Amino acid sequence: TAEVHSNEIARDVKETLRKLKAAQYTAAHPGEVCPAKWNEGAKTIAPSLDLVGKI
């Protein structure tokens, strides 16, 4: 996972760490995805066409 920021744009270290933990989790748990604003320990979801437009 890579993310690029302009020097003029502030960064939120907590948000960066949250996204890093989500990337690590999904790498270790194939078939699961972390929904938006996911935090460590929260429920994940399994991708499905049935979820399109519902989350």
N, C-alpha and C. Protein backbone atom coordinates (compact mmCIF):
# COMPACT_ATOMS: atom_id res chain seq x y z
N THR A 1 0.85 -1.17 0.00
CA THR A 1 0.00 0.00 0.00
C THR A 1 0.89 1.23 0.00
N ALA A 2 0.56 2.18 -0.83
CA ALA A 2 1.32 3.43 -0.90
C ALA A 2 0.36 4.60 -0.87
N GLU A 3 0.82 5.68 -0.30
CA GLU A 3 0.02 6.89 -0.24
C GLU A 3 0.96 8.07 -0.42
N VAL A 4 0.58 9.01 -1.27
CA VAL A 4 1.42 10.16 -1.56
C VAL A 4 0.70 11.43 -1.13
N HIS A 5 1.42 12.31 -0.45
CA HIS A 5 0.87 13.59 0.00
C HIS A 5 1.77 14.72 -0.47
N SER A 6 1.17 15.83 -0.78
CA SER A 6 1.92 17.05 -1.06
C SER A 6 2.46 17.59 0.26
N ASN A 7 3.58 18.25 0.21
CA ASN A 7 4.14 18.83 1.44
C ASN A 7 3.23 19.87 2.07
N GLU A 8 2.34 20.44 1.27
CA GLU A 8 1.44 21.47 1.77
C GLU A 8 0.20 20.91 2.46
N ILE A 9 0.03 19.59 2.44
CA ILE A 9 -1.15 18.95 3.02
C ILE A 9 -0.75 18.30 4.34
N ALA A 10 -1.50 18.62 5.39
CA ALA A 10 -1.21 18.05 6.71
C ALA A 10 -1.49 16.55 6.73
N ARG A 11 -0.87 15.86 7.65
CA ARG A 11 -1.05 14.42 7.81
C ARG A 11 -1.52 14.12 9.22
N ASP A 12 -2.32 13.09 9.32
CA ASP A 12 -2.82 12.64 10.62
C ASP A 12 -2.16 11.29 10.90
N VAL A 13 -1.24 11.25 11.83
CA VAL A 13 -0.49 10.03 12.11
C VAL A 13 -1.42 8.91 12.56
N LYS A 14 -2.42 9.22 13.38
CA LYS A 14 -3.36 8.18 13.84
C LYS A 14 -4.10 7.56 12.66
N GLU A 15 -4.49 8.38 11.68
CA GLU A 15 -5.20 7.86 10.50
C GLU A 15 -4.27 7.00 9.66
N THR A 16 -3.03 7.41 9.51
CA THR A 16 -2.07 6.62 8.76
C THR A 16 -1.85 5.27 9.43
N LEU A 17 -1.71 5.25 10.75
CA LEU A 17 -1.54 3.99 11.48
C LEU A 17 -2.78 3.11 11.38
N ARG A 18 -3.97 3.71 11.41
CA ARG A 18 -5.21 2.95 11.28
C ARG A 18 -5.25 2.25 9.92
N LYS A 19 -4.89 2.97 8.87
CA LYS A 19 -4.89 2.38 7.53
C LYS A 19 -3.81 1.31 7.39
N LEU A 20 -2.66 1.51 8.02
CA LEU A 20 -1.60 0.51 7.99
C LEU A 20 -2.06 -0.77 8.67
N LYS A 21 -2.72 -0.65 9.82
CA LYS A 21 -3.24 -1.83 10.53
C LYS A 21 -4.29 -2.54 9.70
N ALA A 22 -5.12 -1.80 8.99
CA ALA A 22 -6.13 -2.41 8.12
C ALA A 22 -5.46 -3.18 6.99
N ALA A 23 -4.41 -2.61 6.40
CA ALA A 23 -3.69 -3.29 5.33
C ALA A 23 -3.02 -4.56 5.85
N GLN A 24 -2.44 -4.49 7.03
CA GLN A 24 -1.81 -5.68 7.63
C GLN A 24 -2.85 -6.75 7.92
N TYR A 25 -4.00 -6.33 8.42
CA TYR A 25 -5.06 -7.28 8.76
C TYR A 25 -5.54 -8.01 7.50
N THR A 26 -5.83 -7.25 6.45
CA THR A 26 -6.35 -7.89 5.24
C THR A 26 -5.30 -8.77 4.58
N ALA A 27 -4.03 -8.43 4.72
CA ALA A 27 -2.97 -9.29 4.18
C ALA A 27 -2.92 -10.62 4.92
N ALA A 28 -3.20 -10.59 6.21
CA ALA A 28 -3.16 -11.80 7.04
C ALA A 28 -4.47 -12.59 7.01
N HIS A 29 -5.55 -11.97 6.52
CA HIS A 29 -6.87 -12.61 6.50
C HIS A 29 -7.49 -12.51 5.11
N PRO A 30 -7.00 -13.33 4.16
CA PRO A 30 -7.55 -13.28 2.80
C PRO A 30 -9.07 -13.53 2.81
N GLY A 31 -9.77 -12.83 1.95
CA GLY A 31 -11.21 -13.02 1.86
C GLY A 31 -12.00 -12.07 2.75
N GLU A 32 -11.30 -11.28 3.56
CA GLU A 32 -11.96 -10.29 4.41
C GLU A 32 -11.54 -8.90 3.97
N VAL A 33 -12.41 -7.93 4.15
CA VAL A 33 -12.06 -6.54 3.87
C VAL A 33 -12.46 -5.68 5.06
N CYS A 34 -11.77 -4.59 5.22
CA CYS A 34 -12.05 -3.65 6.31
C CYS A 34 -12.90 -2.52 5.76
N PRO A 35 -14.08 -2.30 6.32
CA PRO A 35 -14.92 -1.21 5.85
C PRO A 35 -14.32 0.15 6.21
N ALA A 36 -14.87 1.20 5.63
CA ALA A 36 -14.40 2.56 5.92
C ALA A 36 -14.41 2.81 7.42
N LYS A 37 -13.42 3.52 7.88
CA LYS A 37 -13.27 3.90 9.30
C LYS A 37 -13.09 2.70 10.22
N TRP A 38 -12.66 1.55 9.65
CA TRP A 38 -12.40 0.35 10.44
C TRP A 38 -11.29 0.62 11.44
N ASN A 39 -11.45 0.08 12.65
CA ASN A 39 -10.41 0.14 13.67
C ASN A 39 -10.10 -1.28 14.14
N GLU A 40 -8.88 -1.48 14.58
CA GLU A 40 -8.43 -2.79 15.03
C GLU A 40 -9.41 -3.37 16.04
N GLY A 41 -9.82 -4.61 15.81
CA GLY A 41 -10.76 -5.29 16.70
C GLY A 41 -12.20 -5.19 16.24
N ALA A 42 -12.47 -4.29 15.29
CA ALA A 42 -13.84 -4.14 14.78
C ALA A 42 -14.14 -5.25 13.78
N LYS A 43 -15.41 -5.42 13.48
CA LYS A 43 -15.82 -6.45 12.52
C LYS A 43 -15.35 -6.10 11.12
N THR A 44 -15.03 -7.14 10.36
CA THR A 44 -14.70 -6.98 8.95
C THR A 44 -15.86 -7.56 8.15
N ILE A 45 -15.77 -7.44 6.84
CA ILE A 45 -16.82 -7.99 5.99
C ILE A 45 -16.20 -8.84 4.89
N ALA A 46 -16.99 -9.72 4.33
CA ALA A 46 -16.57 -10.51 3.18
C ALA A 46 -17.14 -9.82 1.94
N PRO A 47 -16.31 -9.53 0.95
CA PRO A 47 -16.81 -8.86 -0.24
C PRO A 47 -17.88 -9.69 -0.94
N SER A 48 -18.90 -9.01 -1.44
CA SER A 48 -20.00 -9.69 -2.10
C SER A 48 -20.74 -8.70 -3.00
N LEU A 49 -21.20 -9.17 -4.14
CA LEU A 49 -22.00 -8.31 -5.01
C LEU A 49 -23.29 -7.89 -4.32
N ASP A 50 -23.76 -8.68 -3.36
CA ASP A 50 -24.98 -8.33 -2.63
C ASP A 50 -24.80 -7.07 -1.78
N LEU A 51 -23.57 -6.70 -1.48
CA LEU A 51 -23.31 -5.52 -0.65
C LEU A 51 -23.24 -4.22 -1.45
N VAL A 52 -23.16 -4.32 -2.77
CA VAL A 52 -23.02 -3.13 -3.61
C VAL A 52 -24.19 -2.18 -3.37
N GLY A 53 -23.87 -0.94 -3.02
CA GLY A 53 -24.87 0.08 -2.77
C GLY A 53 -25.52 0.03 -1.41
N LYS A 54 -25.12 -0.93 -0.57
CA LYS A 54 -25.73 -1.07 0.76
C LYS A 54 -24.83 -0.61 1.89
N ILE A 55 -23.55 -0.42 1.61
CA ILE A 55 -22.65 0.04 2.67
C ILE A 55 -21.90 1.27 2.23
